[in-house]
PDB file of all heavy atoms in Angstrom:
ATOM      1  N   ILE A   1       0.797  -1.223  -0.032  1.00  0.00           N
ATOM      2  CA  ILE A   1       0.008   0.022  -0.012  1.00  0.00           C
ATOM      3  C   ILE A   1       0.847   1.294  -0.009  1.00  0.00           C
ATOM      4  O   ILE A   1       0.314   2.340   0.020  1.00  0.00           O
ATOM      5  CB  ILE A   1      -0.952  -0.006   1.213  1.00  0.00           C
ATOM      6  CG1 ILE A   1      -0.122   0.015   2.504  1.00  0.00           C
ATOM      7  CG2 ILE A   1      -1.927  -1.200   1.183  1.00  0.00           C
ATOM      8  CD1 ILE A   1      -1.030   0.200   3.754  1.00  0.00           C
ATOM      9  N   TYR A   2       2.151   1.061  -0.103  1.00  0.00           N
ATOM     10  CA  TYR A   2       3.128   2.268  -0.087  1.00  0.00           C
ATOM     11  C   TYR A   2       2.770   3.169  -1.347  1.00  0.00           C
ATOM     12  O   TYR A   2       2.821   2.644  -2.473  1.00  0.00           O
ATOM     13  CB  TYR A   2       4.486   1.806   0.013  1.00  0.00           C
ATOM     14  CG  TYR A   2       5.505   2.945   0.345  1.00  0.00           C
ATOM     15  CD1 TYR A   2       5.475   3.362   1.693  1.00  0.00           C
ATOM     16  CD2 TYR A   2       6.369   3.505  -0.551  1.00  0.00           C
ATOM     17  CE1 TYR A   2       6.371   4.391   1.998  1.00  0.00           C
ATOM     18  CE2 TYR A   2       7.309   4.427  -0.194  1.00  0.00           C
ATOM     19  CZ  TYR A   2       7.284   4.922   1.160  1.00  0.00           C
ATOM     20  OH  TYR A   2       8.120   5.919   1.537  1.00  0.00           O
ATOM     21  N   PRO A   3       2.376   4.412  -1.190  1.00  0.00           N
ATOM     22  CA  PRO A   3       1.854   5.195  -2.285  1.00  0.00           C
ATOM     23  C   PRO A   3       2.838   5.758  -3.215  1.00  0.00           C
ATOM     24  O   PRO A   3       2.517   6.179  -4.287  1.00  0.00           O
ATOM     25  CB  PRO A   3       1.036   6.310  -1.589  1.00  0.00           C
ATOM     26  CG  PRO A   3       1.747   6.502  -0.295  1.00  0.00           C
ATOM     27  CD  PRO A   3       2.257   5.058   0.120  1.00  0.00           C
ATOM     28  N   PHE A   4       4.141   5.824  -2.784  1.00  0.00           N
ATOM     29  CA  PHE A   4       5.170   6.494  -3.625  1.00  0.00           C
ATOM     30  C   PHE A   4       5.653   5.649  -4.721  1.00  0.00           C
ATOM     31  O   PHE A   4       5.586   4.356  -4.637  1.00  0.00           O
ATOM     32  CB  PHE A   4       6.221   6.997  -2.732  1.00  0.00           C
ATOM     33  CG  PHE A   4       5.810   8.030  -1.650  1.00  0.00           C
ATOM     34  CD1 PHE A   4       5.700   7.648  -0.360  1.00  0.00           C
ATOM     35  CD2 PHE A   4       5.532   9.309  -2.052  1.00  0.00           C
ATOM     36  CE1 PHE A   4       5.194   8.487   0.544  1.00  0.00           C
ATOM     37  CE2 PHE A   4       5.051  10.193  -1.091  1.00  0.00           C
ATOM     38  CZ  PHE A   4       4.893   9.823   0.284  1.00  0.00           C
ATOM     39  N   ASN A   5       6.206   6.205  -5.747  1.00  0.00           N
ATOM     40  CA  ASN A   5       6.630   5.507  -6.968  1.00  0.00           C
ATOM     41  C   ASN A   5       7.949   4.890  -6.760  1.00  0.00           C
ATOM     42  O   ASN A   5       8.979   5.269  -7.434  1.00  0.00           O
ATOM     43  CB  ASN A   5       6.646   6.544  -8.138  1.00  0.00           C
ATOM     44  CG  ASN A   5       6.886   5.807  -9.482  1.00  0.00           C
ATOM     45  OD1 ASN A   5       6.605   4.577  -9.556  1.00  0.00           O
ATOM     46  ND2 ASN A   5       7.288   6.523 -10.491  1.00  0.00           N
ATOM     47  N   ILE A   6       8.016   3.892  -5.891  1.00  0.00           N
ATOM     48  CA  ILE A   6       9.231   3.104  -5.669  1.00  0.00           C
ATOM     49  C   ILE A   6       8.786   1.643  -5.511  1.00  0.00           C
ATOM     50  O   ILE A   6       7.617   1.289  -5.248  1.00  0.00           O
ATOM     51  CB  ILE A   6      10.056   3.549  -4.490  1.00  0.00           C
ATOM     52  CG1 ILE A   6       9.193   3.470  -3.188  1.00  0.00           C
ATOM     53  CG2 ILE A   6      10.621   4.908  -4.739  1.00  0.00           C
ATOM     54  CD1 ILE A   6      10.009   3.877  -2.041  1.00  0.00           C
ATOM     55  N   ILE A   7       9.716   0.669  -5.583  1.00  0.00           N
ATOM     56  CA  ILE A   7       9.419  -0.747  -5.385  1.00  0.00           C
ATOM     57  C   ILE A   7       8.284  -1.168  -6.259  1.00  0.00           C
ATOM     58  O   ILE A   7       7.237  -1.636  -5.757  1.00  0.00           O
ATOM     59  CB  ILE A   7       9.157  -1.032  -3.857  1.00  0.00           C
ATOM     60  CG1 ILE A   7      10.198  -0.328  -3.002  1.00  0.00           C
ATOM     61  CG2 ILE A   7       9.187  -2.514  -3.653  1.00  0.00           C
ATOM     62  CD1 ILE A   7       9.870  -0.576  -1.517  1.00  0.00           C
ATOM     63  N   TYR A   8       8.490  -1.144  -7.599  1.00  0.00           N
ATOM     64  CA  TYR A   8       7.479  -1.550  -8.598  1.00  0.00           C
ATOM     65  C   TYR A   8       6.178  -1.051  -8.276  1.00  0.00           C
ATOM     66  O   TYR A   8       5.143  -1.804  -8.121  1.00  0.00           O
ATOM     67  CB  TYR A   8       7.488  -3.094  -8.515  1.00  0.00           C
ATOM     68  CG  TYR A   8       8.836  -3.790  -8.780  1.00  0.00           C
ATOM     69  CD1 TYR A   8       9.517  -4.307  -7.644  1.00  0.00           C
ATOM     70  CD2 TYR A   8       9.463  -3.856 -10.027  1.00  0.00           C
ATOM     71  CE1 TYR A   8      10.818  -4.881  -7.793  1.00  0.00           C
ATOM     72  CE2 TYR A   8      10.626  -4.464 -10.164  1.00  0.00           C
ATOM     73  CZ  TYR A   8      11.325  -4.994  -9.119  1.00  0.00           C
ATOM     74  OH  TYR A   8      12.566  -5.477  -9.281  1.00  0.00           O
ATOM     75  N   HIS A   9       6.031   0.268  -8.308  1.00  0.00           N
ATOM     76  CA  HIS A   9       4.723   0.921  -7.970  1.00  0.00           C
ATOM     77  C   HIS A   9       3.646   0.506  -8.996  1.00  0.00           C
ATOM     78  O   HIS A   9       2.526   0.226  -8.549  1.00  0.00           O
ATOM     79  CB  HIS A   9       4.945   2.463  -8.038  1.00  0.00           C
ATOM     80  CG  HIS A   9       3.682   3.238  -7.808  1.00  0.00           C
ATOM     81  ND1 HIS A   9       2.910   3.698  -8.853  1.00  0.00           N
ATOM     82  CD2 HIS A   9       3.101   3.547  -6.567  1.00  0.00           C
ATOM     83  CE1 HIS A   9       1.865   4.291  -8.245  1.00  0.00           C
ATOM     84  NE2 HIS A   9       1.903   4.273  -6.920  1.00  0.00           N
ATOM     85  N   SER A  10       3.923   0.538 -10.254  1.00  0.00           N
ATOM     86  CA  SER A  10       2.837   0.126 -11.209  1.00  0.00           C
ATOM     87  C   SER A  10       2.418  -1.335 -11.056  1.00  0.00           C
ATOM     88  O   SER A  10       1.213  -1.597 -11.213  1.00  0.00           O
ATOM     89  CB  SER A  10       3.415   0.358 -12.641  1.00  0.00           C
ATOM     90  OG  SER A  10       4.600  -0.498 -12.872  1.00  0.00           O
ATOM     91  N   SER A  11       3.357  -2.247 -10.745  1.00  0.00           N
ATOM     92  CA  SER A  11       2.953  -3.623 -10.537  1.00  0.00           C
ATOM     93  C   SER A  11       2.135  -3.777  -9.254  1.00  0.00           C
ATOM     94  O   SER A  11       1.098  -4.528  -9.321  1.00  0.00           O
ATOM     95  CB  SER A  11       4.208  -4.546 -10.459  1.00  0.00           C
ATOM     96  OG  SER A  11       4.955  -4.384 -11.653  1.00  0.00           O
ATOM     97  N   ARG A  12       2.541  -3.098  -8.211  1.00  0.00           N
ATOM     98  CA  ARG A  12       1.746  -3.109  -6.977  1.00  0.00           C
ATOM     99  C   ARG A  12       0.367  -2.571  -7.180  1.00  0.00           C
ATOM    100  O   ARG A  12      -0.680  -3.116  -6.736  1.00  0.00           O
ATOM    101  CB  ARG A  12       2.455  -2.414  -5.845  1.00  0.00           C
ATOM    102  CG  ARG A  12       3.728  -3.033  -5.356  1.00  0.00           C
ATOM    103  CD  ARG A  12       4.296  -2.417  -4.198  1.00  0.00           C
ATOM    104  NE  ARG A  12       4.885  -1.054  -4.467  1.00  0.00           N
ATOM    105  CZ  ARG A  12       4.461   0.089  -4.095  1.00  0.00           C
ATOM    106  NH1 ARG A  12       3.248   0.159  -3.380  1.00  0.00           N
ATOM    107  NH2 ARG A  12       5.022   1.253  -4.461  1.00  0.00           N
ATOM    108  N   LEU A  13       0.253  -1.463  -7.900  1.00  0.00           N
ATOM    109  CA  LEU A  13      -1.099  -0.910  -8.246  1.00  0.00           C
ATOM    110  C   LEU A  13      -2.008  -1.784  -9.043  1.00  0.00           C
ATOM    111  O   LEU A  13      -3.142  -1.922  -8.830  1.00  0.00           O
ATOM    112  CB  LEU A  13      -0.917   0.454  -8.980  1.00  0.00           C
ATOM    113  CG  LEU A  13      -2.137   1.287  -9.242  1.00  0.00           C
ATOM    114  CD1 LEU A  13      -2.859   1.607  -7.893  1.00  0.00           C
ATOM    115  CD2 LEU A  13      -1.820   2.487 -10.084  1.00  0.00           C
ATOM    116  N   PHE A  14      -1.381  -2.480 -10.035  1.00  0.00           N
ATOM    117  CA  PHE A  14      -2.093  -3.419 -10.862  1.00  0.00           C
ATOM    118  C   PHE A  14      -2.552  -4.558 -10.013  1.00  0.00           C
ATOM    119  O   PHE A  14      -3.691  -4.947 -10.116  1.00  0.00           O
ATOM    120  CB  PHE A  14      -1.196  -3.909 -11.959  1.00  0.00           C
ATOM    121  CG  PHE A  14      -1.813  -4.932 -12.820  1.00  0.00           C
ATOM    122  CD1 PHE A  14      -2.778  -4.604 -13.806  1.00  0.00           C
ATOM    123  CD2 PHE A  14      -1.483  -6.329 -12.669  1.00  0.00           C
ATOM    124  CE1 PHE A  14      -3.316  -5.480 -14.531  1.00  0.00           C
ATOM    125  CE2 PHE A  14      -2.089  -7.289 -13.496  1.00  0.00           C
ATOM    126  CZ  PHE A  14      -3.012  -6.923 -14.442  1.00  0.00           C
ATOM    127  N   PHE A  15      -1.717  -5.055  -9.083  1.00  0.00           N
ATOM    128  CA  PHE A  15      -2.134  -6.241  -8.230  1.00  0.00           C
ATOM    129  C   PHE A  15      -3.301  -5.775  -7.341  1.00  0.00           C
ATOM    130  O   PHE A  15      -4.247  -6.484  -7.162  1.00  0.00           O
ATOM    131  CB  PHE A  15      -0.909  -6.678  -7.439  1.00  0.00           C
ATOM    132  CG  PHE A  15      -1.238  -7.706  -6.452  1.00  0.00           C
ATOM    133  CD1 PHE A  15      -1.321  -9.106  -6.819  1.00  0.00           C
ATOM    134  CD2 PHE A  15      -1.453  -7.416  -5.139  1.00  0.00           C
ATOM    135  CE1 PHE A  15      -1.608 -10.060  -5.893  1.00  0.00           C
ATOM    136  CE2 PHE A  15      -1.812  -8.381  -4.219  1.00  0.00           C
ATOM    137  CZ  PHE A  15      -1.893  -9.721  -4.551  1.00  0.00           C
ATOM    138  N   LEU A  16      -3.132  -4.653  -6.663  1.00  0.00           N
ATOM    139  CA  LEU A  16      -4.157  -4.226  -5.790  1.00  0.00           C
ATOM    140  C   LEU A  16      -5.481  -3.930  -6.494  1.00  0.00           C
ATOM    141  O   LEU A  16      -6.629  -4.197  -5.927  1.00  0.00           O
ATOM    142  CB  LEU A  16      -3.670  -2.896  -5.089  1.00  0.00           C
ATOM    143  CG  LEU A  16      -2.576  -3.096  -4.085  1.00  0.00           C
ATOM    144  CD1 LEU A  16      -2.147  -1.730  -3.583  1.00  0.00           C
ATOM    145  CD2 LEU A  16      -2.914  -4.022  -2.912  1.00  0.00           C
ATOM    146  N   THR A  17      -5.414  -3.456  -7.785  1.00  0.00           N
ATOM    147  CA  THR A  17      -6.704  -3.230  -8.531  1.00  0.00           C
ATOM    148  C   THR A  17      -7.337  -4.560  -8.791  1.00  0.00           C
ATOM    149  O   THR A  17      -8.572  -4.639  -8.655  1.00  0.00           O
ATOM    150  CB  THR A  17      -6.286  -2.505  -9.854  1.00  0.00           C
ATOM    151  OG1 THR A  17      -5.688  -1.257  -9.631  1.00  0.00           O
ATOM    152  CG2 THR A  17      -7.563  -2.235 -10.686  1.00  0.00           C
ATOM    153  N   CYS A  18      -6.574  -5.546  -9.230  1.00  0.00           N
ATOM    154  CA  CYS A  18      -7.145  -6.867  -9.467  1.00  0.00           C
ATOM    155  C   CYS A  18      -7.723  -7.478  -8.229  1.00  0.00           C
ATOM    156  O   CYS A  18      -8.779  -8.072  -8.257  1.00  0.00           O
ATOM    157  CB  CYS A  18      -6.119  -7.798 -10.110  1.00  0.00           C
ATOM    158  SG  CYS A  18      -5.532  -7.305 -11.763  1.00  0.00           S
ATOM    159  N   LEU A  19      -7.003  -7.250  -7.141  1.00  0.00           N
ATOM    160  CA  LEU A  19      -7.469  -7.784  -5.858  1.00  0.00           C
ATOM    161  C   LEU A  19      -8.729  -7.164  -5.388  1.00  0.00           C
ATOM    162  O   LEU A  19      -9.750  -7.806  -4.883  1.00  0.00           O
ATOM    163  CB  LEU A  19      -6.392  -7.632  -4.733  1.00  0.00           C
ATOM    164  CG  LEU A  19      -6.712  -8.140  -3.362  1.00  0.00           C
ATOM    165  CD1 LEU A  19      -6.936  -9.686  -3.374  1.00  0.00           C
ATOM    166  CD2 LEU A  19      -5.572  -7.804  -2.318  1.00  0.00           C
ATOM    167  N   PHE A  20      -8.881  -5.817  -5.644  1.00  0.00           N
ATOM    168  CA  PHE A  20     -10.110  -5.052  -5.304  1.00  0.00           C
ATOM    169  C   PHE A  20     -11.231  -5.587  -6.163  1.00  0.00           C
ATOM    170  O   PHE A  20     -12.354  -5.743  -5.705  1.00  0.00           O
ATOM    171  CB  PHE A  20      -9.811  -3.620  -5.581  1.00  0.00           C
ATOM    172  CG  PHE A  20     -11.093  -2.729  -5.287  1.00  0.00           C
ATOM    173  CD1 PHE A  20     -11.381  -2.479  -3.902  1.00  0.00           C
ATOM    174  CD2 PHE A  20     -11.845  -2.260  -6.208  1.00  0.00           C
ATOM    175  CE1 PHE A  20     -12.535  -1.730  -3.621  1.00  0.00           C
ATOM    176  CE2 PHE A  20     -12.969  -1.422  -5.964  1.00  0.00           C
ATOM    177  CZ  PHE A  20     -13.355  -1.202  -4.685  1.00  0.00           C
ATOM    178  N   HIS A  21     -10.998  -5.855  -7.411  1.00  0.00           N
ATOM    179  CA  HIS A  21     -11.982  -6.449  -8.314  1.00  0.00           C
ATOM    180  C   HIS A  21     -12.472  -7.740  -7.870  1.00  0.00           C
ATOM    181  O   HIS A  21     -13.679  -8.131  -7.990  1.00  0.00           O
ATOM    182  CB  HIS A  21     -11.480  -6.441  -9.749  1.00  0.00           C
ATOM    183  CG  HIS A  21     -11.338  -5.190 -10.428  1.00  0.00           C
ATOM    184  ND1 HIS A  21     -10.705  -5.026 -11.615  1.00  0.00           N
ATOM    185  CD2 HIS A  21     -11.638  -3.878  -9.948  1.00  0.00           C
ATOM    186  CE1 HIS A  21     -10.728  -3.692 -11.971  1.00  0.00           C
ATOM    187  NE2 HIS A  21     -11.245  -3.072 -10.976  1.00  0.00           N
ATOM    188  N   CYS A  22     -11.534  -8.555  -7.359  1.00  0.00           N
ATOM    189  CA  CYS A  22     -11.895  -9.926  -6.850  1.00  0.00           C
ATOM    190  C   CYS A  22     -12.824  -9.826  -5.668  1.00  0.00           C
ATOM    191  O   CYS A  22     -13.863 -10.464  -5.528  1.00  0.00           O
ATOM    192  CB  CYS A  22     -10.657 -10.743  -6.545  1.00  0.00           C
ATOM    193  SG  CYS A  22      -9.630 -11.182  -7.941  1.00  0.00           S
ATOM    194  N   ILE A  23     -12.461  -8.965  -4.738  1.00  0.00           N
ATOM    195  CA  ILE A  23     -13.240  -8.782  -3.508  1.00  0.00           C
ATOM    196  C   ILE A  23     -14.591  -8.299  -3.805  1.00  0.00           C
ATOM    197  O   ILE A  23     -15.541  -8.696  -3.117  1.00  0.00           O
ATOM    198  CB  ILE A  23     -12.447  -7.937  -2.492  1.00  0.00           C
ATOM    199  CG1 ILE A  23     -11.123  -8.519  -2.101  1.00  0.00           C
ATOM    200  CG2 ILE A  23     -13.279  -7.647  -1.250  1.00  0.00           C
ATOM    201  CD1 ILE A  23     -10.199  -7.732  -1.196  1.00  0.00           C
ATOM    202  N   CYS A  24     -14.693  -7.323  -4.750  1.00  0.00           N
ATOM    203  CA  CYS A  24     -15.861  -6.690  -5.059  1.00  0.00           C
ATOM    204  C   CYS A  24     -16.769  -7.390  -6.155  1.00  0.00           C
ATOM    205  O   CYS A  24     -17.724  -6.865  -6.595  1.00  0.00           O
ATOM    206  CB  CYS A  24     -15.649  -5.306  -5.496  1.00  0.00           C
ATOM    207  SG  CYS A  24     -15.006  -4.173  -4.178  1.00  0.00           S
ATOM    208  N   ALA A  25     -16.338  -8.636  -6.515  1.00  0.00           N
ATOM    209  CA  ALA A  25     -17.109  -9.457  -7.488  1.00  0.00           C
ATOM    210  C   ALA A  25     -18.457  -9.619  -6.935  1.00  0.00           C
ATOM    211  O   ALA A  25     -18.670  -9.839  -5.656  1.00  0.00           O
ATOM    212  CB  ALA A  25     -16.432 -10.735  -7.735  1.00  0.00           C
ATOM    213  N   PRO A  26     -19.525  -9.493  -7.764  1.00  0.00           N
ATOM    214  CA  PRO A  26     -19.519  -9.396  -9.234  1.00  0.00           C
ATOM    215  C   PRO A  26     -19.832  -7.910  -9.716  1.00  0.00           C
ATOM    216  O   PRO A  26     -20.447  -7.753 -10.721  1.00  0.00           O
ATOM    217  CB  PRO A  26     -20.709 -10.257  -9.551  1.00  0.00           C
ATOM    218  CG  PRO A  26     -21.715 -10.024  -8.477  1.00  0.00           C
ATOM    219  CD  PRO A  26     -20.924  -9.772  -7.241  1.00  0.00           C
ATOM    220  N   LEU A  27     -19.249  -6.925  -9.067  1.00  0.00           N
ATOM    221  CA  LEU A  27     -19.562  -5.587  -9.368  1.00  0.00           C
ATOM    222  C   LEU A  27     -18.783  -5.151 -10.636  1.00  0.00           C
ATOM    223  O   LEU A  27     -19.156  -4.059 -11.179  1.00  0.00           O
ATOM    224  CB  LEU A  27     -19.349  -4.644  -8.213  1.00  0.00           C
ATOM    225  CG  LEU A  27     -20.111  -4.945  -6.929  1.00  0.00           C
ATOM    226  CD1 LEU A  27     -19.791  -3.984  -5.810  1.00  0.00           C
ATOM    227  CD2 LEU A  27     -21.685  -4.904  -7.199  1.00  0.00           C
ATOM    228  N   TYR A  28     -17.723  -5.747 -10.887  1.00  0.00           N
ATOM    229  CA  TYR A  28     -16.785  -5.311 -12.025  1.00  0.00           C
ATOM    230  C   TYR A  28     -16.802  -6.343 -13.062  1.00  0.00           C
ATOM    231  O   TYR A  28     -16.961  -7.578 -12.824  1.00  0.00           O
ATOM    232  CB  TYR A  28     -15.375  -5.053 -11.450  1.00  0.00           C
ATOM    233  CG  TYR A  28     -15.277  -3.841 -10.580  1.00  0.00           C
ATOM    234  CD1 TYR A  28     -15.461  -3.924  -9.184  1.00  0.00           C
ATOM    235  CD2 TYR A  28     -15.024  -2.557 -11.153  1.00  0.00           C
ATOM    236  CE1 TYR A  28     -15.345  -2.892  -8.436  1.00  0.00           C
ATOM    237  CE2 TYR A  28     -14.924  -1.458 -10.323  1.00  0.00           C
ATOM    238  CZ  TYR A  28     -15.036  -1.573  -8.906  1.00  0.00           C
ATOM    239  OH  TYR A  28     -14.984  -0.533  -8.118  1.00  0.00           O
ATOM    240  N   LYS A  29     -16.554  -5.942 -14.348  1.00  0.00           N
ATOM    241  CA  LYS A  29     -16.443  -6.832 -15.427  1.00  0.00           C
ATOM    242  C   LYS A  29     -15.244  -7.670 -15.184  1.00  0.00           C
ATOM    243  O   LYS A  29     -14.200  -7.244 -14.844  1.00  0.00           O
ATOM    244  CB  LYS A  29     -16.262  -6.029 -16.711  1.00  0.00           C
ATOM    245  CG  LYS A  29     -16.190  -6.912 -17.947  1.00  0.00           C
ATOM    246  CD  LYS A  29     -15.973  -6.061 -19.231  1.00  0.00           C
ATOM    247  CE  LYS A  29     -15.829  -6.913 -20.495  1.00  0.00           C
ATOM    248  NZ  LYS A  29     -17.003  -7.822 -20.723  1.00  0.00           N
ATOM    249  N   VAL A  30     -15.387  -8.985 -15.441  1.00  0.00           N
ATOM    250  CA  VAL A  30     -14.349  -9.989 -15.155  1.00  0.00           C
ATOM    251  C   VAL A  30     -13.385 -10.118 -16.276  1.00  0.00           C
ATOM    252  O   VAL A  30     -13.815 -10.370 -17.465  1.00  0.00           O
ATOM    253  CB  VAL A  30     -14.965 -11.334 -14.816  1.00  0.00           C
ATOM    254  CG1 VAL A  30     -13.934 -12.332 -14.442  1.00  0.00           C
ATOM    255  CG2 VAL A  30     -15.960 -11.288 -13.689  1.00  0.00           C
ATOM    256  N   THR A  31     -12.122  -9.879 -16.047  1.00  0.00           N
ATOM    257  CA  THR A  31     -11.056 -10.009 -17.040  1.00  0.00           C
ATOM    258  C   THR A  31     -10.099 -11.102 -16.634  1.00  0.00           C
ATOM    259  O   THR A  31     -10.236 -11.659 -15.501  1.00  0.00           O
ATOM    260  CB  THR A  31     -10.264  -8.717 -17.238  1.00  0.00           C
ATOM    261  OG1 THR A  31      -9.694  -8.276 -15.908  1.00  0.00           O
ATOM    262  CG2 THR A  31     -11.234  -7.604 -17.679  1.00  0.00           C
ATOM    263  N   LEU A  32      -9.226 -11.488 -17.591  1.00  0.00           N
ATOM    264  CA  LEU A  32      -8.314 -12.588 -17.264  1.00  0.00           C
ATOM    265  C   LEU A  32      -7.483 -12.380 -16.048  1.00  0.00           C
ATOM    266  O   LEU A  32      -7.384 -13.270 -15.138  1.00  0.00           O
ATOM    267  CB  LEU A  32      -7.331 -12.825 -18.486  1.00  0.00           C
ATOM    268  CG  LEU A  32      -6.232 -13.831 -18.265  1.00  0.00           C
ATOM    269  CD1 LEU A  32      -6.847 -15.242 -17.926  1.00  0.00           C
ATOM    270  CD2 LEU A  32      -5.298 -13.916 -19.498  1.00  0.00           C
ATOM    271  N   PRO A  33      -6.882 -11.254 -15.780  1.00  0.00           N
ATOM    272  CA  PRO A  33      -6.019 -11.005 -14.617  1.00  0.00           C
ATOM    273  C   PRO A  33      -6.905 -11.137 -13.311  1.00  0.00           C
ATOM    274  O   PRO A  33      -6.390 -11.673 -12.313  1.00  0.00           O
ATOM    275  CB  PRO A  33      -5.512  -9.578 -14.682  1.00  0.00           C
ATOM    276  CG  PRO A  33      -5.546  -9.331 -16.158  1.00  0.00           C
ATOM    277  CD  PRO A  33      -6.732 -10.026 -16.704  1.00  0.00           C
ATOM    278  N   ASP A  34      -8.193 -10.790 -13.352  1.00  0.00           N
ATOM    279  CA  ASP A  34      -9.012 -10.847 -12.183  1.00  0.00           C
ATOM    280  C   ASP A  34      -9.339 -12.287 -11.761  1.00  0.00           C
ATOM    281  O   ASP A  34      -9.108 -12.675 -10.611  1.00  0.00           O
ATOM    282  CB  ASP A  34     -10.416 -10.084 -12.441  1.00  0.00           C
ATOM    283  CG  ASP A  34     -10.138  -8.576 -12.653  1.00  0.00           C
ATOM    284  OD1 ASP A  34      -9.103  -8.010 -12.187  1.00  0.00           O
ATOM    285  OD2 ASP A  34     -11.004  -7.921 -13.231  1.00  0.00           O
ATOM    286  N   PHE A  35      -9.851 -13.091 -12.741  1.00  0.00           N
ATOM    287  CA  PHE A  35     -10.157 -14.456 -12.341  1.00  0.00           C
ATOM    288  C   PHE A  35      -8.934 -15.323 -12.190  1.00  0.00           C
ATOM    289  O   PHE A  35      -8.915 -16.284 -11.461  1.00  0.00           O
ATOM    290  CB  PHE A  35     -11.169 -15.046 -13.286  1.00  0.00           C
ATOM    291  CG  PHE A  35     -10.674 -15.417 -14.634  1.00  0.00           C
ATOM    292  CD1 PHE A  35      -9.846 -16.528 -14.916  1.00  0.00           C
ATOM    293  CD2 PHE A  35     -11.133 -14.657 -15.814  1.00  0.00           C
ATOM    294  CE1 PHE A  35      -9.387 -16.848 -16.145  1.00  0.00           C
ATOM    295  CE2 PHE A  35     -10.704 -15.034 -17.054  1.00  0.00           C
ATOM    296  CZ  PHE A  35      -9.822 -16.081 -17.239  1.00  0.00           C
ATOM    297  N   PHE A  36      -7.889 -14.973 -12.825  1.00  0.00           N
ATOM    298  CA  PHE A  36      -6.592 -15.607 -12.591  1.00  0.00           C
ATOM    299  C   PHE A  36      -5.998 -15.513 -11.179  1.00  0.00           C
ATOM    300  O   PHE A  36      -5.597 -16.414 -10.516  1.00  0.00           O
ATOM    301  CB  PHE A  36      -5.545 -15.159 -13.688  1.00  0.00           C
ATOM    302  CG  PHE A  36      -4.342 -16.053 -13.746  1.00  0.00           C
ATOM    303  CD1 PHE A  36      -4.378 -17.291 -14.459  1.00  0.00           C
ATOM    304  CD2 PHE A  36      -3.153 -15.744 -13.139  1.00  0.00           C
ATOM    305  CE1 PHE A  36      -3.283 -18.056 -14.498  1.00  0.00           C
ATOM    306  CE2 PHE A  36      -2.047 -16.497 -13.207  1.00  0.00           C
ATOM    307  CZ  PHE A  36      -2.066 -17.715 -13.884  1.00  0.00           C
ATOM    308  N   LEU A  37      -6.144 -14.197 -10.691  1.00  0.00           N
ATOM    309  CA  LEU A  37      -5.709 -13.957  -9.364  1.00  0.00           C
ATOM    310  C   LEU A  37      -6.652 -14.630  -8.371  1.00  0.00           C
ATOM    311  O   LEU A  37      -6.178 -15.176  -7.388  1.00  0.00           O
ATOM    312  CB  LEU A  37      -5.746 -12.443  -9.132  1.00  0.00           C
ATOM    313  CG  LEU A  37      -5.413 -12.005  -7.638  1.00  0.00           C
ATOM    314  CD1 LEU A  37      -3.974 -12.505  -7.156  1.00  0.00           C
ATOM    315  CD2 LEU A  37      -5.524 -10.466  -7.547  1.00  0.00           C
ATOM    316  N   ALA A  38      -7.923 -14.658  -8.627  1.00  0.00           N
ATOM    317  CA  ALA A  38      -8.873 -15.304  -7.665  1.00  0.00           C
ATOM    318  C   ALA A  38      -8.580 -16.816  -7.577  1.00  0.00           C
ATOM    319  O   ALA A  38      -8.720 -17.399  -6.562  1.00  0.00           O
ATOM    320  CB  ALA A  38     -10.275 -15.091  -8.189  1.00  0.00           C
ATOM    321  N   ASP A  39      -8.223 -17.417  -8.721  1.00  0.00           N
ATOM    322  CA  ASP A  39      -7.815 -18.807  -8.719  1.00  0.00           C
ATOM    323  C   ASP A  39      -6.564 -19.099  -7.834  1.00  0.00           C
ATOM    324  O   ASP A  39      -6.476 -20.105  -7.159  1.00  0.00           O
ATOM    325  CB  ASP A  39      -7.545 -19.392 -10.137  1.00  0.00           C
ATOM    326  CG  ASP A  39      -8.861 -19.763 -10.814  1.00  0.00           C
ATOM    327  OD1 ASP A  39      -9.775 -20.222 -10.174  1.00  0.00           O
ATOM    328  OD2 ASP A  39      -8.903 -19.520 -12.075  1.00  0.00           O
TER     329      ASP A  39
END
């Protein structure tokens, strides 16, 4: 959750976004990264 642009910030943001989509299912359109992470 570190907000600054260090330690793979874009990758961490992408992971947290997918995780948020998993937790909030079925409110968001399901994409490959989302259901792959849920698996």
